[in-house]
């Protein structure tokens, strides 16, 4: 009996993730569309929260502002780039969008983590050299991998999201290499600065894609192209 029941179950790979169900694929897609239509799209909020935090951090890493300016980024990292982006991710889960939900919750958490680390460094609780910076390099490169995996997942969607995530993957990885190798402590910051500019580029495309989603939705047509489906 159990074997017969299992034979009636279907594996379905959907935008909301893998679904193993007795429902046919068409019915699951209908449920996904209903979920998307009954909750406003949180993607623009998530993208703009992400972009703002990534942009301000990127400019400091790129050398536009001194490293001491990092403490000024803590409020935006925690509130807008962190909590607001994380909340957008939770609504994306409700909207059955696994890609957006995973991205916003991951990067929102990362920004809160970064803000907390900067605050502890400013208070002298965590040193700005030695093993803690090596661990920070591990974290940055870990999120570089997350951004790369999400880039692969985003390929069937649109160019705006793919470019945003692709630049982010490179930016996180380059920013983490000097910390991981201890080169940042020795004054070798060229790689980190290059990573900062990749983060600024990622933020630019995130701003644009978020703007396109809002403008196109309110106008009811494609005014700002994003190179694919929303």
C-alpha atoms as a PDB file:
ATOM      1  CA  UNK A   1       0.000   0.000   0.000  1.00  0.00           C
ATOM      2  CA  UNK A   2       2.824   2.355   0.899  1.00  0.00           C
ATOM      3  CA  UNK A   3       4.547   1.609  -2.387  1.00  0.00           C
ATOM      4  CA  UNK A   4       1.399   2.427  -4.349  1.00  0.00           C
ATOM      5  CA  UNK A   5       0.983   5.689  -2.422  1.00  0.00           C
ATOM      6  CA  UNK A   6       4.579   6.704  -3.143  1.00  0.00           C
ATOM      7  CA  UNK A   7       4.077   6.024  -6.841  1.00  0.00           C
ATOM      8  CA  UNK A   8       1.314   8.622  -6.852  1.00  0.00           C
ATOM      9  CA  UNK A   9       3.629  11.318  -5.514  1.00  0.00           C
ATOM     10  CA  UNK A  10       5.392  13.616  -7.978  1.00  0.00           C
ATOM     11  CA  UNK A  11       8.651  15.533  -7.721  1.00  0.00           C
ATOM     12  CA  UNK A  12       8.151  19.124  -8.837  1.00  0.00           C
ATOM     13  CA  UNK A  13      10.891  21.744  -9.040  1.00  0.00           C
ATOM     14  CA  UNK A  14       9.145  25.090  -8.688  1.00  0.00           C
ATOM     15  CA  UNK A  15       9.983  28.751  -7.966  1.00  0.00           C
ATOM     16  CA  UNK A  16       9.027  28.105  -4.365  1.00  0.00           C
ATOM     17  CA  UNK A  17      11.440  25.183  -4.137  1.00  0.00           C
ATOM     18  CA  UNK A  18      11.135  21.404  -4.507  1.00  0.00           C
ATOM     19  CA  UNK A  19       7.609  20.124  -3.921  1.00  0.00           C
ATOM     20  CA  UNK A  20       6.875  16.415  -3.505  1.00  0.00           C
ATOM     21  CA  UNK A  21       3.132  16.056  -3.762  1.00  0.00           C
ATOM     22  CA  UNK A  22       0.285  14.044  -5.202  1.00  0.00           C
ATOM     23  CA  UNK A  23      -0.882  17.210  -6.941  1.00  0.00           C
ATOM     24  CA  UNK A  24      -0.070  17.507 -10.647  1.00  0.00           C
ATOM     25  CA  UNK A  25       2.504  20.120 -11.671  1.00  0.00           C
ATOM     26  CA  UNK A  26      -0.114  22.372 -13.271  1.00  0.00           C
ATOM     27  CA  UNK A  27      -2.051  22.625 -10.017  1.00  0.00           C
ATOM     28  CA  UNK A  28       1.075  23.462  -8.026  1.00  0.00           C
ATOM     29  CA  UNK A  29       1.949  26.205 -10.529  1.00  0.00           C
ATOM     30  CA  UNK A  30      -1.571  27.574 -10.112  1.00  0.00           C
ATOM     31  CA  UNK A  31      -1.102  27.700  -6.332  1.00  0.00           C
ATOM     32  CA  UNK A  32       2.228  29.507  -6.813  1.00  0.00           C
ATOM     33  CA  UNK A  33       0.642  32.097  -9.064  1.00  0.00           C
ATOM     34  CA  UNK A  34      -2.167  32.622  -6.535  1.00  0.00           C
ATOM     35  CA  UNK A  35       0.389  33.188  -3.739  1.00  0.00           C
ATOM     36  CA  UNK A  36       2.285  35.690  -5.888  1.00  0.00           C
ATOM     37  CA  UNK A  37      -0.882  37.556  -6.816  1.00  0.00           C
ATOM     38  CA  UNK A  38      -2.150  37.964  -3.245  1.00  0.00           C
ATOM     39  CA  UNK A  39       1.001  39.507  -1.701  1.00  0.00           C
ATOM     40  CA  UNK A  40       2.697  42.651  -2.991  1.00  0.00           C
ATOM     41  CA  UNK A  41       6.162  42.053  -4.427  1.00  0.00           C
ATOM     42  CA  UNK A  42       8.801  42.719  -1.719  1.00  0.00           C
ATOM     43  CA  UNK A  43      11.654  42.589  -4.241  1.00  0.00           C
ATOM     44  CA  UNK A  44      12.084  46.375  -4.746  1.00  0.00           C
ATOM     45  CA  UNK A  45      12.304  46.954  -0.976  1.00  0.00           C
ATOM     46  CA  UNK A  46      14.790  44.104  -0.623  1.00  0.00           C
ATOM     47  CA  UNK A  47      16.868  45.317  -3.570  1.00  0.00           C
ATOM     48  CA  UNK A  48      16.999  48.917  -2.340  1.00  0.00           C
ATOM     49  CA  UNK A  49      17.866  47.869   1.203  1.00  0.00           C
ATOM     50  CA  UNK A  50      20.583  45.627  -0.179  1.00  0.00           C
ATOM     51  CA  UNK A  51      21.839  48.315  -2.578  1.00  0.00           C
ATOM     52  CA  UNK A  52      22.083  51.040   0.046  1.00  0.00           C
ATOM     53  CA  UNK A  53      24.094  48.940   2.489  1.00  0.00           C
ATOM     54  CA  UNK A  54      26.312  47.476  -0.238  1.00  0.00           C
ATOM     55  CA  UNK A  55      26.939  50.895  -1.790  1.00  0.00           C
ATOM     56  CA  UNK A  56      28.037  52.643   1.397  1.00  0.00           C
ATOM     57  CA  UNK A  57      30.298  49.763   2.434  1.00  0.00           C
ATOM     58  CA  UNK A  58      31.673  49.459  -1.100  1.00  0.00           C
ATOM     59  CA  UNK A  59      32.720  53.113  -1.249  1.00  0.00           C
ATOM     60  CA  UNK A  60      34.711  52.741   1.970  1.00  0.00           C
ATOM     61  CA  UNK A  61      36.370  49.505   0.824  1.00  0.00           C
ATOM     62  CA  UNK A  62      37.168  51.127  -2.533  1.00  0.00           C
ATOM     63  CA  UNK A  63      39.027  53.916  -0.743  1.00  0.00           C
ATOM     64  CA  UNK A  64      36.633  56.770  -1.464  1.00  0.00           C
ATOM     65  CA  UNK A  65      36.297  57.274   2.304  1.00  0.00           C
ATOM     66  CA  UNK A  66      38.751  56.295   5.066  1.00  0.00           C
ATOM     67  CA  UNK A  67      38.268  53.077   7.038  1.00  0.00           C
ATOM     68  CA  UNK A  68      37.253  55.161  10.074  1.00  0.00           C
ATOM     69  CA  UNK A  69      34.046  56.057   8.187  1.00  0.00           C
ATOM     70  CA  UNK A  70      32.825  52.473   8.511  1.00  0.00           C
ATOM     71  CA  UNK A  71      31.237  53.230  11.890  1.00  0.00           C
ATOM     72  CA  UNK A  72      28.939  55.731  10.150  1.00  0.00           C
ATOM     73  CA  UNK A  73      27.511  52.872   8.073  1.00  0.00           C
ATOM     74  CA  UNK A  74      26.260  50.909  11.096  1.00  0.00           C
ATOM     75  CA  UNK A  75      22.724  52.437  11.270  1.00  0.00           C
ATOM     76  CA  UNK A  76      21.917  51.830   7.603  1.00  0.00           C
ATOM     77  CA  UNK A  77      23.455  48.342   7.717  1.00  0.00           C
ATOM     78  CA  UNK A  78      21.346  47.303  10.693  1.00  0.00           C
ATOM     79  CA  UNK A  79      18.040  49.044   9.933  1.00  0.00           C
ATOM     80  CA  UNK A  80      17.557  49.309   6.175  1.00  0.00           C
ATOM     81  CA  UNK A  81      20.101  46.916   4.646  1.00  0.00           C
ATOM     82  CA  UNK A  82      19.632  44.453   7.497  1.00  0.00           C
ATOM     83  CA  UNK A  83      16.192  44.317   9.120  1.00  0.00           C
ATOM     84  CA  UNK A  84      14.161  45.808   6.247  1.00  0.00           C
ATOM     85  CA  UNK A  85      15.843  43.517   3.719  1.00  0.00           C
ATOM     86  CA  UNK A  86      15.321  40.489   5.985  1.00  0.00           C
ATOM     87  CA  UNK A  87      11.609  41.331   6.335  1.00  0.00           C
ATOM     88  CA  UNK A  88      11.378  41.597   2.545  1.00  0.00           C
ATOM     89  CA  UNK A  89      12.832  38.089   2.410  1.00  0.00           C
ATOM     90  CA  UNK A  90      10.152  36.772   4.734  1.00  0.00           C
ATOM     91  CA  UNK A  91       7.434  38.224   2.502  1.00  0.00           C
ATOM     92  CA  UNK A  92       9.180  36.664  -0.498  1.00  0.00           C
ATOM     93  CA  UNK A  93       8.827  33.268   1.211  1.00  0.00           C
ATOM     94  CA  UNK A  94       5.094  33.965   1.565  1.00  0.00           C
ATOM     95  CA  UNK A  95       5.012  34.911  -2.111  1.00  0.00           C
ATOM     96  CA  UNK A  96       6.553  31.536  -3.034  1.00  0.00           C
ATOM     97  CA  UNK A  97       9.782  33.050  -4.361  1.00  0.00           C
ATOM     98  CA  UNK A  98      12.651  30.897  -3.087  1.00  0.00           C
ATOM     99  CA  UNK A  99      15.358  32.891  -4.900  1.00  0.00           C
ATOM    100  CA  UNK A 100      14.347  36.308  -3.556  1.00  0.00           C
ATOM    101  CA  UNK A 101      13.592  34.955  -0.077  1.00  0.00           C
ATOM    102  CA  UNK A 102      16.947  33.205   0.257  1.00  0.00           C
ATOM    103  CA  UNK A 103      18.863  36.207  -1.103  1.00  0.00           C
ATOM    104  CA  UNK A 104      17.194  38.861   1.052  1.00  0.00           C
ATOM    105  CA  UNK A 105      17.246  36.850   4.266  1.00  0.00           C
ATOM    106  CA  UNK A 106      20.885  35.846   3.706  1.00  0.00           C
ATOM    107  CA  UNK A 107      22.187  39.296   2.831  1.00  0.00           C
ATOM    108  CA  UNK A 108      19.959  41.016   5.388  1.00  0.00           C
ATOM    109  CA  UNK A 109      21.432  38.785   8.083  1.00  0.00           C
ATOM    110  CA  UNK A 110      24.927  39.445   6.746  1.00  0.00           C
ATOM    111  CA  UNK A 111      24.441  43.213   6.994  1.00  0.00           C
ATOM    112  CA  UNK A 112      23.211  42.997  10.599  1.00  0.00           C
ATOM    113  CA  UNK A 113      26.212  40.787  11.357  1.00  0.00           C
ATOM    114  CA  UNK A 114      28.556  43.307   9.713  1.00  0.00           C
ATOM    115  CA  UNK A 115      27.005  46.217  11.589  1.00  0.00           C
ATOM    116  CA  UNK A 116      27.377  44.356  14.886  1.00  0.00           C
ATOM    117  CA  UNK A 117      31.022  43.543  14.104  1.00  0.00           C
ATOM    118  CA  UNK A 118      31.808  47.169  13.241  1.00  0.00           C
ATOM    119  CA  UNK A 119      30.156  48.317  16.474  1.00  0.00           C
ATOM    120  CA  UNK A 120      32.198  45.838  18.520  1.00  0.00           C
ATOM    121  CA  UNK A 121      35.389  46.913  16.767  1.00  0.00           C
ATOM    122  CA  UNK A 122      34.597  50.572  17.458  1.00  0.00           C
ATOM    123  CA  UNK A 123      34.147  49.744  21.161  1.00  0.00           C
ATOM    124  CA  UNK A 124      37.400  47.774  21.235  1.00  0.00           C
ATOM    125  CA  UNK A 125      35.622  44.490  21.989  1.00  0.00           C
ATOM    126  CA  UNK A 126      36.924  42.861  18.802  1.00  0.00           C
ATOM    127  CA  UNK A 127      40.403  43.715  17.464  1.00  0.00           C
ATOM    128  CA  UNK A 128      40.826  44.959  13.893  1.00  0.00           C
ATOM    129  CA  UNK A 129      43.739  42.624  13.176  1.00  0.00           C
ATOM    130  CA  UNK A 130      44.800  39.038  13.765  1.00  0.00           C
ATOM    131  CA  UNK A 131      42.521  36.008  13.883  1.00  0.00           C
ATOM    132  CA  UNK A 132      39.202  37.960  14.025  1.00  0.00           C
ATOM    133  CA  UNK A 133      39.995  39.537  10.642  1.00  0.00           C
ATOM    134  CA  UNK A 134      40.918  36.127   9.201  1.00  0.00           C
ATOM    135  CA  UNK A 135      37.517  34.860  10.334  1.00  0.00           C
ATOM    136  CA  UNK A 136      35.920  37.912   8.733  1.00  0.00           C
ATOM    137  CA  UNK A 137      37.654  36.900   5.499  1.00  0.00           C
ATOM    138  CA  UNK A 138      36.087  33.435   5.809  1.00  0.00           C
ATOM    139  CA  UNK A 139      32.654  35.033   6.254  1.00  0.00           C
ATOM    140  CA  UNK A 140      33.063  37.320   3.220  1.00  0.00           C
ATOM    141  CA  UNK A 141      34.194  34.485   0.975  1.00  0.00           C
ATOM    142  CA  UNK A 142      31.358  32.301   2.289  1.00  0.00           C
ATOM    143  CA  UNK A 143      28.886  34.957   1.211  1.00  0.00           C
ATOM    144  CA  UNK A 144      30.742  35.210  -2.086  1.00  0.00           C
ATOM    145  CA  UNK A 145      29.860  31.544  -2.606  1.00  0.00           C
ATOM    146  CA  UNK A 146      26.229  32.193  -1.601  1.00  0.00           C
ATOM    147  CA  UNK A 147      26.031  35.054  -4.112  1.00  0.00           C
ATOM    148  CA  UNK A 148      27.591  32.818  -6.812  1.00  0.00           C
ATOM    149  CA  UNK A 149      25.074  30.026  -6.151  1.00  0.00           C
ATOM    150  CA  UNK A 150      22.235  32.543  -6.307  1.00  0.00           C
ATOM    151  CA  UNK A 151      23.667  33.886  -9.584  1.00  0.00           C
ATOM    152  CA  UNK A 152      23.353  30.411 -11.099  1.00  0.00           C
ATOM    153  CA  UNK A 153      19.802  30.147  -9.763  1.00  0.00           C
ATOM    154  CA  UNK A 154      18.911  33.556 -11.244  1.00  0.00           C
ATOM    155  CA  UNK A 155      20.034  32.765 -14.805  1.00  0.00           C
ATOM    156  CA  UNK A 156      16.495  31.892 -16.022  1.00  0.00           C
ATOM    157  CA  UNK A 157      15.068  35.139 -14.575  1.00  0.00           C
ATOM    158  CA  UNK A 158      16.406  38.495 -15.777  1.00  0.00           C
ATOM    159  CA  UNK A 159      19.684  40.259 -16.521  1.00  0.00           C
ATOM    160  CA  UNK A 160      19.241  42.838 -13.733  1.00  0.00           C
ATOM    161  CA  UNK A 161      19.235  40.212 -10.974  1.00  0.00           C
ATOM    162  CA  UNK A 162      21.947  38.090 -12.614  1.00  0.00           C
ATOM    163  CA  UNK A 163      24.362  41.028 -12.973  1.00  0.00           C
ATOM    164  CA  UNK A 164      23.603  42.236  -9.435  1.00  0.00           C
ATOM    165  CA  UNK A 165      24.385  38.841  -7.932  1.00  0.00           C
ATOM    166  CA  UNK A 166      27.345  38.129 -10.204  1.00  0.00           C
ATOM    167  CA  UNK A 167      29.094  41.398  -9.313  1.00  0.00           C
ATOM    168  CA  UNK A 168      28.276  40.763  -5.663  1.00  0.00           C
ATOM    169  CA  UNK A 169      29.916  37.322  -5.744  1.00  0.00           C
ATOM    170  CA  UNK A 170      33.129  38.813  -7.122  1.00  0.00           C
ATOM    171  CA  UNK A 171      32.984  41.785  -4.746  1.00  0.00           C
ATOM    172  CA  UNK A 172      32.529  39.693  -1.616  1.00  0.00           C
ATOM    173  CA  UNK A 173      35.288  37.286  -2.638  1.00  0.00           C
ATOM    174  CA  UNK A 174      37.822  39.989  -3.490  1.00  0.00           C
ATOM    175  CA  UNK A 175      36.995  41.894  -0.296  1.00  0.00           C
ATOM    176  CA  UNK A 176      37.540  38.773   1.781  1.00  0.00           C
ATOM    177  CA  UNK A 177      40.854  37.633   0.287  1.00  0.00           C
ATOM    178  CA  UNK A 178      43.059  40.268   2.020  1.00  0.00           C
ATOM    179  CA  UNK A 179      41.459  39.537   5.409  1.00  0.00           C
ATOM    180  CA  UNK A 180      41.771  35.794   4.902  1.00  0.00           C
ATOM    181  CA  UNK A 181      45.461  35.995   3.974  1.00  0.00           C
ATOM    182  CA  UNK A 182      46.389  38.740   6.419  1.00  0.00           C
ATOM    183  CA  UNK A 183      47.383  41.048   3.549  1.00  0.00           C
ATOM    184  CA  UNK A 184      45.037  43.822   4.744  1.00  0.00           C
ATOM    185  CA  UNK A 185      46.993  44.110   7.987  1.00  0.00           C
ATOM    186  CA  UNK A 186      50.172  44.599   5.960  1.00  0.00           C
ATOM    187  CA  UNK A 187      48.674  47.495   4.025  1.00  0.00           C
ATOM    188  CA  UNK A 188      47.986  45.511   0.829  1.00  0.00           C
ATOM    189  CA  UNK A 189      44.492  46.785   0.087  1.00  0.00           C
ATOM    190  CA  UNK A 190      44.418  46.866  -3.735  1.00  0.00           C
ATOM    191  CA  UNK A 191      42.389  43.643  -3.956  1.00  0.00           C
ATOM    192  CA  UNK A 192      39.978  44.859  -1.261  1.00  0.00           C
ATOM    193  CA  UNK A 193      39.578  48.191  -3.082  1.00  0.00           C
ATOM    194  CA  UNK A 194      38.785  46.350  -6.321  1.00  0.00           C
ATOM    195  CA  UNK A 195      36.245  44.278  -4.418  1.00  0.00           C
ATOM    196  CA  UNK A 196      34.707  47.491  -3.116  1.00  0.00           C
ATOM    197  CA  UNK A 197      34.162  48.763  -6.654  1.00  0.00           C
ATOM    198  CA  UNK A 198      32.498  45.474  -7.638  1.00  0.00           C
ATOM    199  CA  UNK A 199      30.154  45.956  -4.661  1.00  0.00           C
ATOM    200  CA  UNK A 200      29.360  49.495  -5.844  1.00  0.00           C
ATOM    201  CA  UNK A 201      28.575  48.093  -9.300  1.00  0.00           C
ATOM    202  CA  UNK A 202      26.312  45.444  -7.785  1.00  0.00           C
ATOM    203  CA  UNK A 203      24.487  48.134  -5.811  1.00  0.00           C
ATOM    204  CA  UNK A 204      23.953  50.209  -8.979  1.00  0.00           C
ATOM    205  CA  UNK A 205      22.238  47.335 -10.787  1.00  0.00           C
ATOM    206  CA  UNK A 206      20.183  46.524  -7.667  1.00  0.00           C
ATOM    207  CA  UNK A 207      18.962  50.137  -7.529  1.00  0.00           C
ATOM    208  CA  UNK A 208      18.048  50.038 -11.214  1.00  0.00           C
ATOM    209  CA  UNK A 209      16.286  46.668 -11.051  1.00  0.00           C
ATOM    210  CA  UNK A 210      14.271  47.739  -7.999  1.00  0.00           C
ATOM    211  CA  UNK A 211      13.280  50.963  -9.771  1.00  0.00           C
ATOM    212  CA  UNK A 212      12.252  49.037 -12.878  1.00  0.00           C
ATOM    213  CA  UNK A 213      10.021  46.690 -10.886  1.00  0.00           C
ATOM    214  CA  UNK A 214       8.214  49.578  -9.167  1.00  0.00           C
ATOM    215  CA  UNK A 215       7.881  51.743 -12.281  1.00  0.00           C
ATOM    216  CA  UNK A 216       6.768  48.898 -14.541  1.00  0.00           C
ATOM    217  CA  UNK A 217       4.226  47.708 -11.960  1.00  0.00           C
ATOM    218  CA  UNK A 218       2.620  51.115 -11.472  1.00  0.00           C
ATOM    219  CA  UNK A 219       2.580  51.879 -15.195  1.00  0.00           C
ATOM    220  CA  UNK A 220       1.293  48.415 -16.044  1.00  0.00           C
ATOM    221  CA  UNK A 221       3.862  47.897 -18.805  1.00  0.00           C
ATOM    222  CA  UNK A 222       7.608  47.676 -19.396  1.00  0.00           C
ATOM    223  CA  UNK A 223       9.010  51.194 -19.094  1.00  0.00           C
ATOM    224  CA  UNK A 224      12.450  50.234 -17.746  1.00  0.00           C
ATOM    225  CA  UNK A 225      13.639  46.904 -19.235  1.00  0.00           C
ATOM    226  CA  UNK A 226      15.319  44.336 -16.983  1.00  0.00           C
ATOM    227  CA  UNK A 227      16.300  41.802 -19.632  1.00  0.00           C
ATOM    228  CA  UNK A 228      13.877  39.027 -18.800  1.00  0.00           C
ATOM    229  CA  UNK A 229      10.978  38.110 -16.549  1.00  0.00           C
ATOM    230  CA  UNK A 230      10.443  39.846 -13.179  1.00  0.00           C
END
